[in-house]
């Protein structure tokens, strides 16, 4: 990945930040984006300390024009785009019956439309470079999770979009990867929205027992090198996808019971 130009959305923390280090350590030139300028500056400084050629742009993926600006600034800085990693995302945790519709829209705007907008503006350059488009999805993109209806919907939408796009680009030699990490130790659950759109603040799951963001980044890097189509991580994630395909009724009960055991579960 020497001298490849990689844009990573939502890269001020978690998997996005880990991906910046993973690709950067292999000689790629990194562009990180995010909404929080302070966190983005911290991440950029850490990348520079590690001697990684990196550049940061404050941008909100849910705002279409911001994505256009990211591409323009990347081209002005590095002259090309080889890889786009659609990592920016937000979760939610509440029963659908209790959830305000604007919360659902916010999740879709970031997780789905953020991917659409970033890909739309980066695509012409990626076609030129015969590069990669990567979507950081979730097991929730294969199996709807109760209490996370809009998150699941956004990831199903992302995966459908990328699958269709991959097929459209079949003769263009562009690589499209859908990566589903499973439960990963990151801040996505801490920043998950509740039914009224407020940040939940505390993860309901034991983060210590999850795959680290660095492990996830390593797997995604290797899958990009091999130009893999799909990547499903963790044994639990692989089992969930497999059983949901062949025993969907059984999985309805299993998933319900599993999610109901979470701390402060919305299930009564």
C-alpha atoms as a PDB file:
ATOM      1  CA  UNK A   1       0.000   0.000   0.000  1.00  0.00           C
ATOM      2  CA  UNK A   2       3.023   2.269  -0.486  1.00  0.00           C
ATOM      3  CA  UNK A   3       1.985   5.790  -1.575  1.00  0.00           C
ATOM      4  CA  UNK A   4      -1.689   4.878  -1.839  1.00  0.00           C
ATOM      5  CA  UNK A   5      -3.969   7.786  -0.908  1.00  0.00           C
ATOM      6  CA  UNK A   6      -6.585   6.642   1.592  1.00  0.00           C
ATOM      7  CA  UNK A   7      -9.588   8.664   2.792  1.00  0.00           C
ATOM      8  CA  UNK A   8     -11.083   7.424   6.066  1.00  0.00           C
ATOM      9  CA  UNK A   9     -14.306   9.019   7.309  1.00  0.00           C
ATOM     10  CA  UNK A  10     -15.018   9.201  11.021  1.00  0.00           C
ATOM     11  CA  UNK A  11     -11.365   8.574  11.848  1.00  0.00           C
ATOM     12  CA  UNK A  12     -10.808  10.551  15.046  1.00  0.00           C
ATOM     13  CA  UNK A  13     -11.283   7.414  17.183  1.00  0.00           C
ATOM     14  CA  UNK A  14     -12.111   3.693  17.188  1.00  0.00           C
ATOM     15  CA  UNK A  15     -11.862   1.598  14.051  1.00  0.00           C
ATOM     16  CA  UNK A  16     -11.334   4.634  11.811  1.00  0.00           C
ATOM     17  CA  UNK A  17      -8.319   5.819  13.773  1.00  0.00           C
ATOM     18  CA  UNK A  18      -6.918   2.279  13.936  1.00  0.00           C
ATOM     19  CA  UNK A  19      -7.295   2.008  10.146  1.00  0.00           C
ATOM     20  CA  UNK A  20      -5.384   5.276   9.712  1.00  0.00           C
ATOM     21  CA  UNK A  21      -2.444   3.808  11.631  1.00  0.00           C
ATOM     22  CA  UNK A  22      -2.709   0.415   9.905  1.00  0.00           C
ATOM     23  CA  UNK A  23      -2.625   1.816   6.367  1.00  0.00           C
ATOM     24  CA  UNK A  24      -0.230   4.593   7.345  1.00  0.00           C
ATOM     25  CA  UNK A  25       2.341   2.185   8.763  1.00  0.00           C
ATOM     26  CA  UNK A  26       2.321   0.427   5.377  1.00  0.00           C
ATOM     27  CA  UNK A  27       3.286   3.628   3.575  1.00  0.00           C
ATOM     28  CA  UNK A  28      -0.118   4.997   2.578  1.00  0.00           C
ATOM     29  CA  UNK A  29      -0.913   8.715   2.624  1.00  0.00           C
ATOM     30  CA  UNK A  30      -3.859   9.218   4.969  1.00  0.00           C
ATOM     31  CA  UNK A  31      -6.758  11.667   4.948  1.00  0.00           C
ATOM     32  CA  UNK A  32      -8.885  11.528   8.101  1.00  0.00           C
ATOM     33  CA  UNK A  33     -12.240  13.250   8.505  1.00  0.00           C
ATOM     34  CA  UNK A  34     -14.600  13.842  11.402  1.00  0.00           C
ATOM     35  CA  UNK A  35     -16.978  16.348  12.928  1.00  0.00           C
ATOM     36  CA  UNK A  36     -15.048  17.023  16.147  1.00  0.00           C
ATOM     37  CA  UNK A  37     -12.112  19.269  15.247  1.00  0.00           C
ATOM     38  CA  UNK A  38     -10.394  18.819  18.623  1.00  0.00           C
ATOM     39  CA  UNK A  39     -10.445  15.009  18.495  1.00  0.00           C
ATOM     40  CA  UNK A  40      -9.405  15.110  14.849  1.00  0.00           C
ATOM     41  CA  UNK A  41      -6.407  17.302  15.709  1.00  0.00           C
ATOM     42  CA  UNK A  42      -5.328  14.881  18.447  1.00  0.00           C
ATOM     43  CA  UNK A  43      -5.553  11.932  16.041  1.00  0.00           C
ATOM     44  CA  UNK A  44      -3.614  13.831  13.372  1.00  0.00           C
ATOM     45  CA  UNK A  45      -0.830  14.708  15.817  1.00  0.00           C
ATOM     46  CA  UNK A  46      -0.551  11.047  16.852  1.00  0.00           C
ATOM     47  CA  UNK A  47      -0.263  10.018  13.202  1.00  0.00           C
ATOM     48  CA  UNK A  48       2.455  12.605  12.604  1.00  0.00           C
ATOM     49  CA  UNK A  49       4.381  11.419  15.681  1.00  0.00           C
ATOM     50  CA  UNK A  50       4.279   7.935  14.108  1.00  0.00           C
ATOM     51  CA  UNK A  51       5.833   9.448  10.936  1.00  0.00           C
ATOM     52  CA  UNK A  52       2.675   8.860   8.915  1.00  0.00           C
ATOM     53  CA  UNK A  53       1.954  11.281   6.069  1.00  0.00           C
ATOM     54  CA  UNK A  54      -1.505  12.417   7.114  1.00  0.00           C
ATOM     55  CA  UNK A  55      -3.925  15.267   6.542  1.00  0.00           C
ATOM     56  CA  UNK A  56      -7.168  16.052   8.386  1.00  0.00           C
ATOM     57  CA  UNK A  57     -10.385  17.668   7.191  1.00  0.00           C
ATOM     58  CA  UNK A  58     -13.253  18.651   9.491  1.00  0.00           C
ATOM     59  CA  UNK A  59     -16.325  17.286   7.729  1.00  0.00           C
ATOM     60  CA  UNK A  60     -19.751  15.839   8.455  1.00  0.00           C
ATOM     61  CA  UNK A  61     -20.502  12.907   6.124  1.00  0.00           C
ATOM     62  CA  UNK A  62     -24.238  13.561   6.412  1.00  0.00           C
ATOM     63  CA  UNK A  63     -23.736  16.945   4.680  1.00  0.00           C
ATOM     64  CA  UNK A  64     -23.354  16.361   0.942  1.00  0.00           C
ATOM     65  CA  UNK A  65     -21.198  19.424   0.261  1.00  0.00           C
ATOM     66  CA  UNK A  66     -18.738  18.410   2.984  1.00  0.00           C
ATOM     67  CA  UNK A  67     -17.996  15.224   1.066  1.00  0.00           C
ATOM     68  CA  UNK A  68     -17.359  17.162  -2.125  1.00  0.00           C
ATOM     69  CA  UNK A  69     -14.928  19.401  -0.218  1.00  0.00           C
ATOM     70  CA  UNK A  70     -13.094  16.373   1.233  1.00  0.00           C
ATOM     71  CA  UNK A  71     -12.452  15.046  -2.266  1.00  0.00           C
ATOM     72  CA  UNK A  72     -11.378  18.461  -3.581  1.00  0.00           C
ATOM     73  CA  UNK A  73      -8.955  19.030  -0.678  1.00  0.00           C
ATOM     74  CA  UNK A  74      -7.551  15.500  -0.978  1.00  0.00           C
ATOM     75  CA  UNK A  75      -6.842  15.993  -4.676  1.00  0.00           C
ATOM     76  CA  UNK A  76      -5.266  19.387  -3.983  1.00  0.00           C
ATOM     77  CA  UNK A  77      -3.019  17.821  -1.334  1.00  0.00           C
ATOM     78  CA  UNK A  78      -2.133  14.421  -2.831  1.00  0.00           C
ATOM     79  CA  UNK A  79      -3.344  14.526  -6.458  1.00  0.00           C
ATOM     80  CA  UNK A  80      -5.262  11.240  -6.431  1.00  0.00           C
ATOM     81  CA  UNK A  81      -7.524   8.924  -4.419  1.00  0.00           C
ATOM     82  CA  UNK A  82      -6.881   5.182  -4.259  1.00  0.00           C
ATOM     83  CA  UNK A  83      -9.023   3.982  -1.364  1.00  0.00           C
ATOM     84  CA  UNK A  84     -12.169   5.318   0.317  1.00  0.00           C
ATOM     85  CA  UNK A  85     -13.073   3.797   3.679  1.00  0.00           C
ATOM     86  CA  UNK A  86     -16.651   4.653   4.666  1.00  0.00           C
ATOM     87  CA  UNK A  87     -16.230   4.271   8.412  1.00  0.00           C
ATOM     88  CA  UNK A  88     -18.212   7.163   9.929  1.00  0.00           C
ATOM     89  CA  UNK A  89     -21.189   5.815  11.798  1.00  0.00           C
ATOM     90  CA  UNK A  90     -23.556   6.238  14.712  1.00  0.00           C
ATOM     91  CA  UNK A  91     -25.679   3.726  16.589  1.00  0.00           C
ATOM     92  CA  UNK A  92     -28.927   3.912  18.528  1.00  0.00           C
ATOM     93  CA  UNK A  93     -30.612   1.877  21.256  1.00  0.00           C
ATOM     94  CA  UNK A  94     -34.336   2.071  21.877  1.00  0.00           C
ATOM     95  CA  UNK A  95     -37.483   0.219  20.893  1.00  0.00           C
ATOM     96  CA  UNK A  96     -38.926   1.417  17.586  1.00  0.00           C
ATOM     97  CA  UNK A  97     -42.277   2.180  19.235  1.00  0.00           C
ATOM     98  CA  UNK A  98     -40.544   4.645  21.554  1.00  0.00           C
ATOM     99  CA  UNK A  99     -38.157   6.172  19.025  1.00  0.00           C
ATOM    100  CA  UNK A 100     -38.734   9.594  17.485  1.00  0.00           C
ATOM    101  CA  UNK A 101     -38.568   9.513  13.705  1.00  0.00           C
ATOM    102  CA  UNK A 102     -35.931  12.236  13.512  1.00  0.00           C
ATOM    103  CA  UNK A 103     -33.564   9.884  15.390  1.00  0.00           C
ATOM    104  CA  UNK A 104     -34.050   7.297  12.660  1.00  0.00           C
ATOM    105  CA  UNK A 105     -33.386   9.944  10.011  1.00  0.00           C
ATOM    106  CA  UNK A 106     -30.180  11.067  11.744  1.00  0.00           C
ATOM    107  CA  UNK A 107     -28.836   7.513  11.848  1.00  0.00           C
ATOM    108  CA  UNK A 108     -29.701   6.983   8.174  1.00  0.00           C
ATOM    109  CA  UNK A 109     -28.178  10.350   7.195  1.00  0.00           C
ATOM    110  CA  UNK A 110     -24.820   9.433   8.750  1.00  0.00           C
ATOM    111  CA  UNK A 111     -24.562   5.693   8.162  1.00  0.00           C
ATOM    112  CA  UNK A 112     -26.237   5.358   4.769  1.00  0.00           C
ATOM    113  CA  UNK A 113     -26.271   8.755   3.076  1.00  0.00           C
ATOM    114  CA  UNK A 114     -22.787   9.486   4.428  1.00  0.00           C
ATOM    115  CA  UNK A 115     -21.564   6.453   2.497  1.00  0.00           C
ATOM    116  CA  UNK A 116     -23.534   7.465  -0.588  1.00  0.00           C
ATOM    117  CA  UNK A 117     -22.220  11.044  -0.599  1.00  0.00           C
ATOM    118  CA  UNK A 118     -18.574  10.159   0.073  1.00  0.00           C
ATOM    119  CA  UNK A 119     -18.633   7.432  -2.567  1.00  0.00           C
ATOM    120  CA  UNK A 120     -20.372   9.646  -5.133  1.00  0.00           C
ATOM    121  CA  UNK A 121     -17.644  12.293  -5.091  1.00  0.00           C
ATOM    122  CA  UNK A 122     -14.660   9.951  -4.700  1.00  0.00           C
ATOM    123  CA  UNK A 123     -15.786   7.410  -7.309  1.00  0.00           C
ATOM    124  CA  UNK A 124     -14.429   9.083 -10.477  1.00  0.00           C
ATOM    125  CA  UNK A 125     -10.930   9.163  -8.967  1.00  0.00           C
ATOM    126  CA  UNK A 126     -11.185   5.589  -7.677  1.00  0.00           C
ATOM    127  CA  UNK A 127     -12.225   4.400 -11.133  1.00  0.00           C
ATOM    128  CA  UNK A 128      -9.098   6.105 -12.518  1.00  0.00           C
ATOM    129  CA  UNK A 129      -6.854   4.418  -9.955  1.00  0.00           C
ATOM    130  CA  UNK A 130      -8.721   1.060 -10.094  1.00  0.00           C
ATOM    131  CA  UNK A 131      -8.834   1.394  -6.349  1.00  0.00           C
ATOM    132  CA  UNK A 132     -11.046   0.284  -3.473  1.00  0.00           C
ATOM    133  CA  UNK A 133     -14.293   1.379  -1.861  1.00  0.00           C
ATOM    134  CA  UNK A 134     -14.758  -0.062   1.621  1.00  0.00           C
ATOM    135  CA  UNK A 135     -17.872   0.053   3.758  1.00  0.00           C
ATOM    136  CA  UNK A 136     -17.523  -0.587   7.482  1.00  0.00           C
ATOM    137  CA  UNK A 137     -20.844  -2.250   8.094  1.00  0.00           C
ATOM    138  CA  UNK A 138     -21.963  -4.558  10.901  1.00  0.00           C
ATOM    139  CA  UNK A 139     -23.490  -7.925  11.649  1.00  0.00           C
ATOM    140  CA  UNK A 140     -26.611  -5.732  11.967  1.00  0.00           C
ATOM    141  CA  UNK A 141     -26.421  -5.443   8.171  1.00  0.00           C
ATOM    142  CA  UNK A 142     -27.118  -9.180   7.915  1.00  0.00           C
ATOM    143  CA  UNK A 143     -29.373  -9.699  10.917  1.00  0.00           C
ATOM    144  CA  UNK A 144     -31.750  -7.038  12.232  1.00  0.00           C
ATOM    145  CA  UNK A 145     -31.083  -6.339  15.895  1.00  0.00           C
ATOM    146  CA  UNK A 146     -34.021  -5.550  18.193  1.00  0.00           C
ATOM    147  CA  UNK A 147     -33.613  -2.243  19.971  1.00  0.00           C
ATOM    148  CA  UNK A 148     -31.456  -1.029  17.084  1.00  0.00           C
ATOM    149  CA  UNK A 149     -33.962  -0.833  14.241  1.00  0.00           C
ATOM    150  CA  UNK A 150     -32.596   2.271  12.534  1.00  0.00           C
ATOM    151  CA  UNK A 151     -28.981   1.142  12.945  1.00  0.00           C
ATOM    152  CA  UNK A 152     -29.831  -2.217  11.362  1.00  0.00           C
ATOM    153  CA  UNK A 153     -31.786  -0.518   8.577  1.00  0.00           C
ATOM    154  CA  UNK A 154     -28.869   1.807   7.805  1.00  0.00           C
ATOM    155  CA  UNK A 155     -26.412  -1.082   7.577  1.00  0.00           C
ATOM    156  CA  UNK A 156     -28.738  -3.204   5.409  1.00  0.00           C
ATOM    157  CA  UNK A 157     -29.070  -0.148   3.141  1.00  0.00           C
ATOM    158  CA  UNK A 158     -25.304   0.365   3.034  1.00  0.00           C
ATOM    159  CA  UNK A 159     -24.693  -3.257   2.103  1.00  0.00           C
ATOM    160  CA  UNK A 160     -27.354  -3.225  -0.612  1.00  0.00           C
ATOM    161  CA  UNK A 161     -25.918  -0.024  -2.052  1.00  0.00           C
ATOM    162  CA  UNK A 162     -22.361  -1.375  -2.117  1.00  0.00           C
ATOM    163  CA  UNK A 163     -23.420  -4.734  -3.566  1.00  0.00           C
ATOM    164  CA  UNK A 164     -25.262  -2.997  -6.397  1.00  0.00           C
ATOM    165  CA  UNK A 165     -22.336  -0.629  -6.954  1.00  0.00           C
ATOM    166  CA  UNK A 166     -19.862  -3.517  -7.025  1.00  0.00           C
ATOM    167  CA  UNK A 167     -21.899  -5.119  -9.785  1.00  0.00           C
ATOM    168  CA  UNK A 168     -22.101  -1.856 -11.748  1.00  0.00           C
ATOM    169  CA  UNK A 169     -18.308  -1.550 -11.548  1.00  0.00           C
ATOM    170  CA  UNK A 170     -17.616  -5.161 -12.504  1.00  0.00           C
ATOM    171  CA  UNK A 171     -15.873  -4.173 -15.761  1.00  0.00           C
ATOM    172  CA  UNK A 172     -14.056  -1.177 -14.223  1.00  0.00           C
ATOM    173  CA  UNK A 173     -11.702  -3.230 -12.037  1.00  0.00           C
ATOM    174  CA  UNK A 174     -12.782  -1.355  -8.889  1.00  0.00           C
ATOM    175  CA  UNK A 175     -12.671  -3.308  -5.646  1.00  0.00           C
ATOM    176  CA  UNK A 176     -15.661  -3.038  -3.271  1.00  0.00           C
ATOM    177  CA  UNK A 177     -15.399  -4.555   0.210  1.00  0.00           C
ATOM    178  CA  UNK A 178     -18.155  -4.821   2.820  1.00  0.00           C
ATOM    179  CA  UNK A 179     -16.526  -5.362   6.216  1.00  0.00           C
ATOM    180  CA  UNK A 180     -18.634  -6.462   9.179  1.00  0.00           C
ATOM    181  CA  UNK A 181     -16.578  -6.369  12.382  1.00  0.00           C
ATOM    182  CA  UNK A 182     -19.084  -7.796  14.870  1.00  0.00           C
ATOM    183  CA  UNK A 183     -18.973  -6.337  18.384  1.00  0.00           C
ATOM    184  CA  UNK A 184     -15.758  -4.292  18.578  1.00  0.00           C
ATOM    185  CA  UNK A 185     -14.256  -2.344  21.454  1.00  0.00           C
ATOM    186  CA  UNK A 186     -14.904   1.236  20.316  1.00  0.00           C
ATOM    187  CA  UNK A 187     -16.909   4.259  21.427  1.00  0.00           C
ATOM    188  CA  UNK A 188     -19.875   3.630  19.091  1.00  0.00           C
ATOM    189  CA  UNK A 189     -22.052   2.292  21.919  1.00  0.00           C
ATOM    190  CA  UNK A 190     -21.073   5.161  24.228  1.00  0.00           C
ATOM    191  CA  UNK A 191     -22.197   7.662  21.581  1.00  0.00           C
ATOM    192  CA  UNK A 192     -25.327   5.694  20.598  1.00  0.00           C
ATOM    193  CA  UNK A 193     -28.551   7.678  20.564  1.00  0.00           C
ATOM    194  CA  UNK A 194     -31.542   6.919  22.772  1.00  0.00           C
ATOM    195  CA  UNK A 195     -35.203   7.206  21.779  1.00  0.00           C
ATOM    196  CA  UNK A 196     -35.164  11.016  21.856  1.00  0.00           C
ATOM    197  CA  UNK A 197     -31.805  11.438  20.130  1.00  0.00           C
ATOM    198  CA  UNK A 198     -29.675  12.051  23.217  1.00  0.00           C
ATOM    199  CA  UNK A 199     -26.319  10.310  23.623  1.00  0.00           C
ATOM    200  CA  UNK A 200     -26.655   7.207  25.786  1.00  0.00           C
ATOM    201  CA  UNK A 201     -23.237   7.855  27.366  1.00  0.00           C
ATOM    202  CA  UNK A 202     -22.339   4.415  28.673  1.00  0.00           C
ATOM    203  CA  UNK A 203     -21.871   1.157  26.784  1.00  0.00           C
ATOM    204  CA  UNK A 204     -24.364  -1.555  27.796  1.00  0.00           C
ATOM    205  CA  UNK A 205     -21.845  -4.269  26.892  1.00  0.00           C
ATOM    206  CA  UNK A 206     -18.523  -5.482  28.322  1.00  0.00           C
ATOM    207  CA  UNK A 207     -16.028  -3.788  26.000  1.00  0.00           C
ATOM    208  CA  UNK A 208     -13.122  -5.799  27.471  1.00  0.00           C
ATOM    209  CA  UNK A 209     -14.394  -9.025  25.895  1.00  0.00           C
ATOM    210  CA  UNK A 210     -14.585  -7.643  22.363  1.00  0.00           C
ATOM    211  CA  UNK A 211     -12.149  -7.638  19.452  1.00  0.00           C
ATOM    212  CA  UNK A 212      -9.959  -4.541  19.542  1.00  0.00           C
ATOM    213  CA  UNK A 213     -10.168  -1.817  16.917  1.00  0.00           C
ATOM    214  CA  UNK A 214      -6.538  -2.563  16.016  1.00  0.00           C
ATOM    215  CA  UNK A 215      -7.330  -6.235  15.322  1.00  0.00           C
ATOM    216  CA  UNK A 216     -10.275  -5.197  13.155  1.00  0.00           C
ATOM    217  CA  UNK A 217      -8.091  -2.746  11.231  1.00  0.00           C
ATOM    218  CA  UNK A 218      -5.505  -5.456  10.557  1.00  0.00           C
ATOM    219  CA  UNK A 219      -8.161  -7.805   9.138  1.00  0.00           C
ATOM    220  CA  UNK A 220      -9.608  -5.034   6.960  1.00  0.00           C
ATOM    221  CA  UNK A 221      -6.164  -4.100   5.661  1.00  0.00           C
ATOM    222  CA  UNK A 222      -5.441  -7.712   4.668  1.00  0.00           C
ATOM    223  CA  UNK A 223      -8.875  -8.041   3.032  1.00  0.00           C
ATOM    224  CA  UNK A 224      -8.147  -4.881   1.035  1.00  0.00           C
ATOM    225  CA  UNK A 225      -4.791  -6.254  -0.112  1.00  0.00           C
ATOM    226  CA  UNK A 226      -6.523  -9.454  -1.280  1.00  0.00           C
ATOM    227  CA  UNK A 227      -9.410  -7.425  -2.772  1.00  0.00           C
ATOM    228  CA  UNK A 228     -11.942  -9.556  -0.940  1.00  0.00           C
ATOM    229  CA  UNK A 229     -15.649  -9.067  -1.498  1.00  0.00           C
ATOM    230  CA  UNK A 230     -16.906  -9.576   2.056  1.00  0.00           C
ATOM    231  CA  UNK A 231     -15.381  -9.779   5.514  1.00  0.00           C
ATOM    232  CA  UNK A 232     -17.270 -11.034   8.575  1.00  0.00           C
ATOM    233  CA  UNK A 233     -15.297 -10.970  11.815  1.00  0.00           C
ATOM    234  CA  UNK A 234     -15.502 -12.811  15.154  1.00  0.00           C
ATOM    235  CA  UNK A 235     -16.793 -16.352  15.616  1.00  0.00           C
ATOM    236  CA  UNK A 236     -20.028 -14.955  17.062  1.00  0.00           C
ATOM    237  CA  UNK A 237     -20.523 -12.783  13.987  1.00  0.00           C
ATOM    238  CA  UNK A 238     -19.886 -15.628  11.548  1.00  0.00           C
ATOM    239  CA  UNK A 239     -22.222 -17.947  13.462  1.00  0.00           C
ATOM    240  CA  UNK A 240     -24.946 -15.295  13.549  1.00  0.00           C
ATOM    241  CA  UNK A 241     -24.805 -14.783   9.766  1.00  0.00           C
ATOM    242  CA  UNK A 242     -24.782 -18.539   9.113  1.00  0.00           C
ATOM    243  CA  UNK A 243     -27.656 -19.406  11.449  1.00  0.00           C
ATOM    244  CA  UNK A 244     -29.757 -16.450  10.333  1.00  0.00           C
ATOM    245  CA  UNK A 245     -29.544 -17.697   6.752  1.00  0.00           C
ATOM    246  CA  UNK A 246     -30.642 -21.251   7.524  1.00  0.00           C
ATOM    247  CA  UNK A 247     -32.605 -20.962  10.804  1.00  0.00           C
ATOM    248  CA  UNK A 248     -34.166 -17.478  10.802  1.00  0.00           C
ATOM    249  CA  UNK A 249     -37.056 -18.328  13.142  1.00  0.00           C
ATOM    250  CA  UNK A 250     -34.698 -19.840  15.700  1.00  0.00           C
ATOM    251  CA  UNK A 251     -32.479 -16.752  15.434  1.00  0.00           C
ATOM    252  CA  UNK A 252     -35.408 -14.419  16.159  1.00  0.00           C
ATOM    253  CA  UNK A 253     -35.651 -15.965  19.622  1.00  0.00           C
ATOM    254  CA  UNK A 254     -31.897 -16.263  20.141  1.00  0.00           C
ATOM    255  CA  UNK A 255     -31.184 -12.648  19.197  1.00  0.00           C
ATOM    256  CA  UNK A 256     -34.079 -11.357  21.297  1.00  0.00           C
ATOM    257  CA  UNK A 257     -32.877 -13.244  24.366  1.00  0.00           C
ATOM    258  CA  UNK A 258     -29.274 -12.158  23.826  1.00  0.00           C
ATOM    259  CA  UNK A 259     -30.093  -8.464  23.437  1.00  0.00           C
ATOM    260  CA  UNK A 260     -32.541  -8.557  26.354  1.00  0.00           C
ATOM    261  CA  UNK A 261     -29.655  -9.485  28.669  1.00  0.00           C
ATOM    262  CA  UNK A 262     -27.853  -6.192  28.026  1.00  0.00           C
ATOM    263  CA  UNK A 263     -27.495  -3.766  30.903  1.00  0.00           C
ATOM    264  CA  UNK A 264     -30.551  -1.468  31.087  1.00  0.00           C
ATOM    265  CA  UNK A 265     -32.154  -3.303  28.168  1.00  0.00           C
ATOM    266  CA  UNK A 266     -35.187  -1.514  26.659  1.00  0.00           C
ATOM    267  CA  UNK A 267     -37.057  -4.841  26.640  1.00  0.00           C
ATOM    268  CA  UNK A 268     -39.536  -5.097  29.492  1.00  0.00           C
END
